[in-house]
Every structure is written in C-alpha cells, then in structure tokens.
Amino acid sequence: MTEPLSNQIRSEEAKRERCVDPRERWRALQETIAWADAQQKPPRNSIQSCLERQRRLVAVLSRREPAEIRVAEDRPSFGSHY
C-alpha cells in the first residue's frame, strides 16, 4: 500500500531542503518577486498610465476624419456668459 499523500509531501519537502542552499533559495525567491512586480501595470492614476491613455486617445482622434468630429456650434464656449 502507498503512504499517505501528506507523508509523501513532507518527505519531498525535506529532500528539497537538503538539496538547496538557503541563500540560493532566498535569492531565487527575491528574483521571482522582483519579476512579478515588474509584470504589473502601472497604477491607474499614475503619470505613466495617464500619459499612456492620452497617447491612445490622440491616436484614435488622429485617425478620424474631420467630419466625424462634431463641435456644438450653438453652444457658448466654456466660461462665457449669455
């Protein structure tokens, strides 16, 4: 009969502990965390993400024909009074 899974897991973990230097394991863990942090997108309101959104918007607007961009002609401009 096979040994229970928990005993097998413990024996495999003990084997791994014997084979890997603790400093090497810590270095690998730090590298993995740094890599994962580098993969994240910038925060929503950061300068980098705002500039990226602006770049995408300008690219979309520059592809449109002038006839597609509508301006409200009957409205007074912003800040003007009647």
PDB file of N, CA and C in Angstrom:
ATOM      1  N   MET A   1       0.833  -1.169   0.000  1.00  0.00           N
ATOM      2  CA  MET A   1       0.000   0.000   0.000  1.00  0.00           C
ATOM      3  C   MET A   1       0.885   1.241   0.000  1.00  0.00           C
ATOM      4  N   THR A   2       0.447   2.304  -0.660  1.00  0.00           N
ATOM      5  CA  THR A   2       1.236   3.534  -0.735  1.00  0.00           C
ATOM      6  C   THR A   2       1.061   4.342   0.537  1.00  0.00           C
ATOM      7  N   GLU A   3       2.066   5.168   0.812  1.00  0.00           N
ATOM      8  CA  GLU A   3       1.992   6.014   2.005  1.00  0.00           C
ATOM      9  C   GLU A   3       1.022   7.167   1.755  1.00  0.00           C
ATOM     10  N   PRO A   4       0.443   7.723   2.804  1.00  0.00           N
ATOM     11  CA  PRO A   4      -0.492   8.841   2.633  1.00  0.00           C
ATOM     12  C   PRO A   4       0.189  10.020   1.947  1.00  0.00           C
ATOM     13  N   LEU A   5      -0.603  10.781   1.246  1.00  0.00           N
ATOM     14  CA  LEU A   5      -0.084  11.900   0.469  1.00  0.00           C
ATOM     15  C   LEU A   5       0.653  12.907   1.346  1.00  0.00           C
ATOM     16  N   SER A   6       0.170  13.181   2.545  1.00  0.00           N
ATOM     17  CA  SER A   6       0.824  14.173   3.413  1.00  0.00           C
ATOM     18  C   SER A   6       2.230  13.718   3.805  1.00  0.00           C
ATOM     19  N   ASN A   7       2.420  12.425   4.050  1.00  0.00           N
ATOM     20  CA  ASN A   7       3.757  11.915   4.375  1.00  0.00           C
ATOM     21  C   ASN A   7       4.680  12.044   3.167  1.00  0.00           C
ATOM     22  N   GLN A   8       4.159  11.773   1.991  1.00  0.00           N
ATOM     23  CA  GLN A   8       4.961  11.882   0.779  1.00  0.00           C
ATOM     24  C   GLN A   8       5.362  13.341   0.528  1.00  0.00           C
ATOM     25  N   ILE A   9       4.434  14.250   0.752  1.00  0.00           N
ATOM     26  CA  ILE A   9       4.737  15.675   0.575  1.00  0.00           C
ATOM     27  C   ILE A   9       5.825  16.111   1.552  1.00  0.00           C
ATOM     28  N   ARG A  10       5.707  15.688   2.813  1.00  0.00           N
ATOM     29  CA  ARG A  10       6.732  16.035   3.806  1.00  0.00           C
ATOM     30  C   ARG A  10       8.095  15.482   3.436  1.00  0.00           C
ATOM     31  N   SER A  11       8.132  14.266   2.950  1.00  0.00           N
ATOM     32  CA  SER A  11       9.430  13.686   2.579  1.00  0.00           C
ATOM     33  C   SER A  11      10.030  14.402   1.370  1.00  0.00           C
ATOM     34  N   GLU A  12       9.200  14.812   0.414  1.00  0.00           N
ATOM     35  CA  GLU A  12       9.707  15.546  -0.743  1.00  0.00           C
ATOM     36  C   GLU A  12      10.202  16.932  -0.330  1.00  0.00           C
ATOM     37  N   GLU A  13       9.508  17.591   0.588  1.00  0.00           N
ATOM     38  CA  GLU A  13       9.958  18.897   1.076  1.00  0.00           C
ATOM     39  C   GLU A  13      11.283  18.769   1.823  1.00  0.00           C
ATOM     40  N   ALA A  14      11.427  17.724   2.623  1.00  0.00           N
ATOM     41  CA  ALA A  14      12.687  17.505   3.343  1.00  0.00           C
ATOM     42  C   ALA A  14      13.823  17.243   2.356  1.00  0.00           C
ATOM     43  N   LYS A  15      13.556  16.496   1.303  1.00  0.00           N
ATOM     44  CA  LYS A  15      14.569  16.226   0.286  1.00  0.00           C
ATOM     45  C   LYS A  15      14.993  17.525  -0.391  1.00  0.00           C
ATOM     46  N   ARG A  16      14.038  18.371  -0.714  1.00  0.00           N
ATOM     47  CA  ARG A  16      14.335  19.645  -1.353  1.00  0.00           C
ATOM     48  C   ARG A  16      15.162  20.532  -0.416  1.00  0.00           C
ATOM     49  N   GLU A  17      14.829  20.535   0.866  1.00  0.00           N
ATOM     50  CA  GLU A  17      15.576  21.329   1.850  1.00  0.00           C
ATOM     51  C   GLU A  17      17.036  20.890   1.906  1.00  0.00           C
ATOM     52  N   ARG A  18      17.278  19.599   1.810  1.00  0.00           N
ATOM     53  CA  ARG A  18      18.646  19.096   1.865  1.00  0.00           C
ATOM     54  C   ARG A  18      19.438  19.459   0.611  1.00  0.00           C
ATOM     55  N   CYS A  19      18.776  19.642  -0.507  1.00  0.00           N
ATOM     56  CA  CYS A  19      19.464  19.857  -1.785  1.00  0.00           C
ATOM     57  C   CYS A  19      19.704  21.324  -2.129  1.00  0.00           C
ATOM     58  N   VAL A  20      18.995  22.242  -1.508  1.00  0.00           N
ATOM     59  CA  VAL A  20      19.097  23.642  -1.898  1.00  0.00           C
ATOM     60  C   VAL A  20      19.677  24.452  -0.751  1.00  0.00           C
ATOM     61  N   ASP A  21      20.673  25.279  -1.092  1.00  0.00           N
ATOM     62  CA  ASP A  21      21.294  26.184  -0.137  1.00  0.00           C
ATOM     63  C   ASP A  21      20.270  27.264   0.249  1.00  0.00           C
ATOM     64  N   PRO A  22      20.095  27.570   1.537  1.00  0.00           N
ATOM     65  CA  PRO A  22      19.109  28.575   1.944  1.00  0.00           C
ATOM     66  C   PRO A  22      19.349  29.950   1.303  1.00  0.00           C
ATOM     67  N   ARG A  23      20.625  30.343   1.138  1.00  0.00           N
ATOM     68  CA  ARG A  23      20.906  31.631   0.491  1.00  0.00           C
ATOM     69  C   ARG A  23      20.458  31.617  -0.968  1.00  0.00           C
ATOM     70  N   GLU A  24      20.709  30.507  -1.647  1.00  0.00           N
ATOM     71  CA  GLU A  24      20.295  30.374  -3.040  1.00  0.00           C
ATOM     72  C   GLU A  24      18.773  30.395  -3.159  1.00  0.00           C
ATOM     73  N   ARG A  25      18.085  29.750  -2.247  1.00  0.00           N
ATOM     74  CA  ARG A  25      16.620  29.756  -2.250  1.00  0.00           C
ATOM     75  C   ARG A  25      16.080  31.173  -2.020  1.00  0.00           C
ATOM     76  N   TRP A  26      16.685  31.914  -1.084  1.00  0.00           N
ATOM     77  CA  TRP A  26      16.249  33.272  -0.800  1.00  0.00           C
ATOM     78  C   TRP A  26      16.481  34.176  -2.011  1.00  0.00           C
ATOM     79  N   ARG A  27      17.645  34.021  -2.679  1.00  0.00           N
ATOM     80  CA  ARG A  27      17.938  34.812  -3.874  1.00  0.00           C
ATOM     81  C   ARG A  27      16.924  34.515  -4.977  1.00  0.00           C
ATOM     82  N   ALA A  28      16.593  33.244  -5.170  1.00  0.00           N
ATOM     83  CA  ALA A  28      15.612  32.868  -6.192  1.00  0.00           C
ATOM     84  C   ALA A  28      14.233  33.441  -5.855  1.00  0.00           C
ATOM     85  N   LEU A  29      13.882  33.433  -4.586  1.00  0.00           N
ATOM     86  CA  LEU A  29      12.599  33.993  -4.163  1.00  0.00           C
ATOM     87  C   LEU A  29      12.555  35.500  -4.422  1.00  0.00           C
ATOM     88  N   GLN A  30      13.629  36.222  -4.107  1.00  0.00           N
ATOM     89  CA  GLN A  30      13.690  37.659  -4.359  1.00  0.00           C
ATOM     90  C   GLN A  30      13.606  37.972  -5.852  1.00  0.00           C
ATOM     91  N   GLU A  31      14.294  37.183  -6.677  1.00  0.00           N
ATOM     92  CA  GLU A  31      14.235  37.385  -8.129  1.00  0.00           C
ATOM     93  C   GLU A  31      12.820  37.157  -8.658  1.00  0.00           C
ATOM     94  N   THR A  32      12.145  36.148  -8.129  1.00  0.00           N
ATOM     95  CA  THR A  32      10.787  35.852  -8.564  1.00  0.00           C
ATOM     96  C   THR A  32       9.840  36.987  -8.185  1.00  0.00           C
ATOM     97  N   ILE A  33       9.974  37.525  -6.984  1.00  0.00           N
ATOM     98  CA  ILE A  33       9.126  38.629  -6.540  1.00  0.00           C
ATOM     99  C   ILE A  33       9.405  39.873  -7.382  1.00  0.00           C
ATOM    100  N   ALA A  34      10.672  40.158  -7.661  1.00  0.00           N
ATOM    101  CA  ALA A  34      11.017  41.322  -8.489  1.00  0.00           C
ATOM    102  C   ALA A  34      10.443  41.169  -9.894  1.00  0.00           C
ATOM    103  N   TRP A  35      10.519  39.970 -10.446  1.00  0.00           N
ATOM    104  CA  TRP A  35       9.967  39.727 -11.780  1.00  0.00           C
ATOM    105  C   TRP A  35       8.451  39.952 -11.780  1.00  0.00           C
ATOM    106  N   ALA A  36       7.765  39.420 -10.762  1.00  0.00           N
ATOM    107  CA  ALA A  36       6.309  39.567 -10.686  1.00  0.00           C
ATOM    108  C   ALA A  36       5.921  41.039 -10.542  1.00  0.00           C
ATOM    109  N   ASP A  37       6.666  41.807  -9.753  1.00  0.00           N
ATOM    110  CA  ASP A  37       6.389  43.239  -9.604  1.00  0.00           C
ATOM    111  C   ASP A  37       6.572  43.973 -10.926  1.00  0.00           C
ATOM    112  N   ALA A  38       7.577  43.580 -11.703  1.00  0.00           N
ATOM    113  CA  ALA A  38       7.837  44.237 -12.987  1.00  0.00           C
ATOM    114  C   ALA A  38       6.741  43.945 -14.006  1.00  0.00           C
ATOM    115  N   GLN A  39       5.984  42.863 -13.827  1.00  0.00           N
ATOM    116  CA  GLN A  39       4.949  42.495 -14.774  1.00  0.00           C
ATOM    117  C   GLN A  39       3.647  43.261 -14.560  1.00  0.00           C
ATOM    118  N   GLN A  40       3.497  43.930 -13.439  1.00  0.00           N
ATOM    119  CA  GLN A  40       2.255  44.623 -13.137  1.00  0.00           C
ATOM    120  C   GLN A  40       2.133  45.902 -13.946  1.00  0.00           C
ATOM    121  N   LYS A  41       0.915  46.266 -14.283  1.00  0.00           N
ATOM    122  CA  LYS A  41       0.665  47.523 -14.967  1.00  0.00           C
ATOM    123  C   LYS A  41       0.824  48.655 -13.961  1.00  0.00           C
ATOM    124  N   PRO A  42       1.121  49.876 -14.464  1.00  0.00           N
ATOM    125  CA  PRO A  42       1.239  50.998 -13.523  1.00  0.00           C
ATOM    126  C   PRO A  42      -0.116  51.310 -12.899  1.00  0.00           C
ATOM    127  N   PRO A  43      -0.128  51.911 -11.722  1.00  0.00           N
ATOM    128  CA  PRO A  43      -1.390  52.264 -11.073  1.00  0.00           C
ATOM    129  C   PRO A  43      -2.246  53.145 -11.981  1.00  0.00           C
ATOM    130  N   ARG A  44      -3.542  53.099 -11.799  1.00  0.00           N
ATOM    131  CA  ARG A  44      -4.494  53.756 -12.688  1.00  0.00           C
ATOM    132  C   ARG A  44      -4.255  55.259 -12.797  1.00  0.00           C
ATOM    133  N   ASN A  45      -3.944  55.928 -11.721  1.00  0.00           N
ATOM    134  CA  ASN A  45      -3.795  57.386 -11.746  1.00  0.00           C
ATOM    135  C   ASN A  45      -2.344  57.850 -11.743  1.00  0.00           C
ATOM    136  N   SER A  46      -1.414  56.967 -12.103  1.00  0.00           N
ATOM    137  CA  SER A  46      -0.017  57.382 -12.145  1.00  0.00           C
ATOM    138  C   SER A  46       0.233  58.222 -13.396  1.00  0.00           C
ATOM    139  N   ILE A  47       1.315  58.955 -13.398  1.00  0.00           N
ATOM    140  CA  ILE A  47       1.671  59.779 -14.553  1.00  0.00           C
ATOM    141  C   ILE A  47       1.856  58.900 -15.778  1.00  0.00           C
ATOM    142  N   GLN A  48       2.508  57.765 -15.580  1.00  0.00           N
ATOM    143  CA  GLN A  48       2.768  56.865 -16.704  1.00  0.00           C
ATOM    144  C   GLN A  48       1.471  56.364 -17.343  1.00  0.00           C
ATOM    145  N   SER A  49       0.503  55.953 -16.533  1.00  0.00           N
ATOM    146  CA  SER A  49      -0.746  55.433 -17.105  1.00  0.00           C
ATOM    147  C   SER A  49      -1.582  56.560 -17.725  1.00  0.00           C
ATOM    148  N   CYS A  50      -1.552  57.763 -17.134  1.00  0.00           N
ATOM    149  CA  CYS A  50      -2.284  58.889 -17.725  1.00  0.00           C
ATOM    150  C   CYS A  50      -1.698  59.250 -19.088  1.00  0.00           C
ATOM    151  N   LEU A  51      -0.376  59.262 -19.207  1.00  0.00           N
ATOM    152  CA  LEU A  51       0.245  59.548 -20.493  1.00  0.00           C
ATOM    153  C   LEU A  51      -0.068  58.462 -21.518  1.00  0.00           C
ATOM    154  N   GLU A  52      -0.137  57.222 -21.083  1.00  0.00           N
ATOM    155  CA  GLU A  52      -0.490  56.126 -21.993  1.00  0.00           C
ATOM    156  C   GLU A  52      -1.925  56.280 -22.491  1.00  0.00           C
ATOM    157  N   ARG A  53      -2.865  56.619 -21.605  1.00  0.00           N
ATOM    158  CA  ARG A  53      -4.246  56.846 -22.035  1.00  0.00           C
ATOM    159  C   ARG A  53      -4.336  58.021 -22.999  1.00  0.00           C
ATOM    160  N   GLN A  54      -3.583  59.073 -22.718  1.00  0.00           N
ATOM    161  CA  GLN A  54      -3.581  60.238 -23.598  1.00  0.00           C
ATOM    162  C   GLN A  54      -3.037  59.852 -24.971  1.00  0.00           C
ATOM    163  N   ARG A  55      -1.979  59.052 -25.026  1.00  0.00           N
ATOM    164  CA  ARG A  55      -1.406  58.620 -26.294  1.00  0.00           C
ATOM    165  C   ARG A  55      -2.422  57.830 -27.108  1.00  0.00           C
ATOM    166  N   ARG A  56      -3.152  56.922 -26.445  1.00  0.00           N
ATOM    167  CA  ARG A  56      -4.160  56.130 -27.149  1.00  0.00           C
ATOM    168  C   ARG A  56      -5.294  57.011 -27.669  1.00  0.00           C
ATOM    169  N   LEU A  57      -5.730  57.981 -26.868  1.00  0.00           N
ATOM    170  CA  LEU A  57      -6.810  58.869 -27.281  1.00  0.00           C
ATOM    171  C   LEU A  57      -6.398  59.724 -28.478  1.00  0.00           C
ATOM    172  N   VAL A  58      -5.193  60.265 -28.449  1.00  0.00           N
ATOM    173  CA  VAL A  58      -4.709  61.080 -29.565  1.00  0.00           C
ATOM    174  C   VAL A  58      -4.620  60.226 -30.829  1.00  0.00           C
ATOM    175  N   ALA A  59      -4.176  58.973 -30.681  1.00  0.00           N
ATOM    176  CA  ALA A  59      -4.084  58.095 -31.843  1.00  0.00           C
ATOM    177  C   ALA A  59      -5.464  57.841 -32.443  1.00  0.00           C
ATOM    178  N   VAL A  60      -6.472  57.642 -31.607  1.00  0.00           N
ATOM    179  CA  VAL A  60      -7.837  57.409 -32.104  1.00  0.00           C
ATOM    180  C   VAL A  60      -8.367  58.659 -32.779  1.00  0.00           C
ATOM    181  N   LEU A  61      -8.179  59.814 -32.159  1.00  0.00           N
ATOM    182  CA  LEU A  61      -8.691  61.062 -32.723  1.00  0.00           C
ATOM    183  C   LEU A  61      -7.983  61.430 -34.022  1.00  0.00           C
ATOM    184  N   SER A  62      -6.703  61.118 -34.133  1.00  0.00           N
ATOM    185  CA  SER A  62      -5.981  61.470 -35.349  1.00  0.00           C
ATOM    186  C   SER A  62      -6.401  60.598 -36.529  1.00  0.00           C
ATOM    187  N   ARG A  63      -6.974  59.436 -36.277  1.00  0.00           N
ATOM    188  CA  ARG A  63      -7.429  58.554 -37.368  1.00  0.00           C
ATOM    189  C   ARG A  63      -8.796  58.964 -37.888  1.00  0.00           C
ATOM    190  N   ARG A  64      -9.545  59.731 -37.118  1.00  0.00           N
ATOM    191  CA  ARG A  64     -10.892  60.133 -37.533  1.00  0.00           C
ATOM    192  C   ARG A  64     -10.832  61.226 -38.585  1.00  0.00           C
ATOM    193  N   GLU A  65     -11.828  61.239 -39.415  1.00  0.00           N
ATOM    194  CA  GLU A  65     -11.978  62.311 -40.406  1.00  0.00           C
ATOM    195  C   GLU A  65     -12.501  63.558 -39.693  1.00  0.00           C
ATOM    196  N   PRO A  66     -12.174  64.734 -40.167  1.00  0.00           N
ATOM    197  CA  PRO A  66     -12.671  65.963 -39.516  1.00  0.00           C
ATOM    198  C   PRO A  66     -14.195  66.020 -39.464  1.00  0.00           C
ATOM    199  N   ALA A  67     -14.889  65.422 -40.448  1.00  0.00           N
ATOM    200  CA  ALA A  67     -16.355  65.444 -40.448  1.00  0.00           C
ATOM    201  C   ALA A  67     -16.923  64.620 -39.301  1.00  0.00           C
ATOM    202  N   GLU A  68     -16.162  63.642 -38.832  1.00  0.00           N
ATOM    203  CA  GLU A  68     -16.646  62.782 -37.746  1.00  0.00           C
ATOM    204  C   GLU A  68     -16.590  63.494 -36.394  1.00  0.00           C
ATOM    205  N   ILE A  69     -15.717  64.468 -36.279  1.00  0.00           N
ATOM    206  CA  ILE A  69     -15.558  65.174 -35.013  1.00  0.00           C
ATOM    207  C   ILE A  69     -16.533  66.348 -35.021  1.00  0.00           C
ATOM    208  N   ARG A  70     -17.486  66.304 -34.129  1.00  0.00           N
ATOM    209  CA  ARG A  70     -18.531  67.320 -34.097  1.00  0.00           C
ATOM    210  C   ARG A  70     -18.257  68.328 -32.998  1.00  0.00           C
ATOM    211  N   VAL A  71     -18.566  69.563 -33.317  1.00  0.00           N
ATOM    212  CA  VAL A  71     -18.430  70.633 -32.333  1.00  0.00           C
ATOM    213  C   VAL A  71     -19.815  71.245 -32.169  1.00  0.00           C
ATOM    214  N   ALA A  72     -20.206  71.482 -30.948  1.00  0.00           N
ATOM    215  CA  ALA A  72     -21.506  72.094 -30.702  1.00  0.00           C
ATOM    216  C   ALA A  72     -21.426  73.554 -31.104  1.00  0.00           C
ATOM    217  N   GLU A  73     -22.072  73.902 -32.227  1.00  0.00           N
ATOM    218  CA  GLU A  73     -21.956  75.252 -32.759  1.00  0.00           C
ATOM    219  C   GLU A  73     -22.882  76.242 -32.054  1.00  0.00           C
ATOM    220  N   ASP A  74     -24.019  75.793 -31.586  1.00  0.00           N
ATOM    221  CA  ASP A  74     -24.976  76.708 -30.983  1.00  0.00           C
ATOM    222  C   ASP A  74     -24.690  76.984 -29.514  1.00  0.00           C
ATOM    223  N   ARG A  75     -23.790  76.266 -28.951  1.00  0.00           N
ATOM    224  CA  ARG A  75     -23.490  76.447 -27.530  1.00  0.00           C
ATOM    225  C   ARG A  75     -22.432  77.523 -27.346  1.00  0.00           C
ATOM    226  N   PRO A  76     -22.531  78.288 -26.271  1.00  0.00           N
ATOM    227  CA  PRO A  76     -21.482  79.249 -25.979  1.00  0.00           C
ATOM    228  C   PRO A  76     -20.215  78.489 -25.524  1.00  0.00           C
ATOM    229  N   SER A  77     -19.085  79.102 -25.714  1.00  0.00           N
ATOM    230  CA  SER A  77     -17.851  78.428 -25.317  1.00  0.00           C
ATOM    231  C   SER A  77     -17.774  78.323 -23.805  1.00  0.00           C
ATOM    232  N   PHE A  78     -16.943  77.481 -23.342  1.00  0.00           N
ATOM    233  CA  PHE A  78     -16.797  77.236 -21.899  1.00  0.00           C
ATOM    234  C   PHE A  78     -16.389  78.524 -21.203  1.00  0.00           C
ATOM    235  N   GLY A  79     -17.084  78.884 -20.172  1.00  0.00           N
ATOM    236  CA  GLY A  79     -16.737  80.038 -19.359  1.00  0.00           C
ATOM    237  C   GLY A  79     -17.341  81.345 -19.839  1.00  0.00           C
ATOM    238  N   SER A  80     -18.015  81.335 -20.982  1.00  0.00           N
ATOM    239  CA  SER A  80     -18.617  82.582 -21.452  1.00  0.00           C
ATOM    240  C   SER A  80     -20.019  82.717 -20.866  1.00  0.00           C
ATOM    241  N   HIS A  81     -20.530  83.911 -20.865  1.00  0.00           N
ATOM    242  CA  HIS A  81     -21.868  84.163 -20.325  1.00  0.00           C
ATOM    243  C   HIS A  81     -22.803  84.541 -21.461  1.00  0.00           C
ATOM    244  N   TYR A  82     -24.100  84.352 -21.265  1.00  0.00           N
ATOM    245  CA  TYR A  82     -25.078  84.697 -22.306  1.00  0.00           C
ATOM    246  C   TYR A  82     -25.160  86.164 -22.507  1.00  0.00           C
TER     247      TYR A  82
END
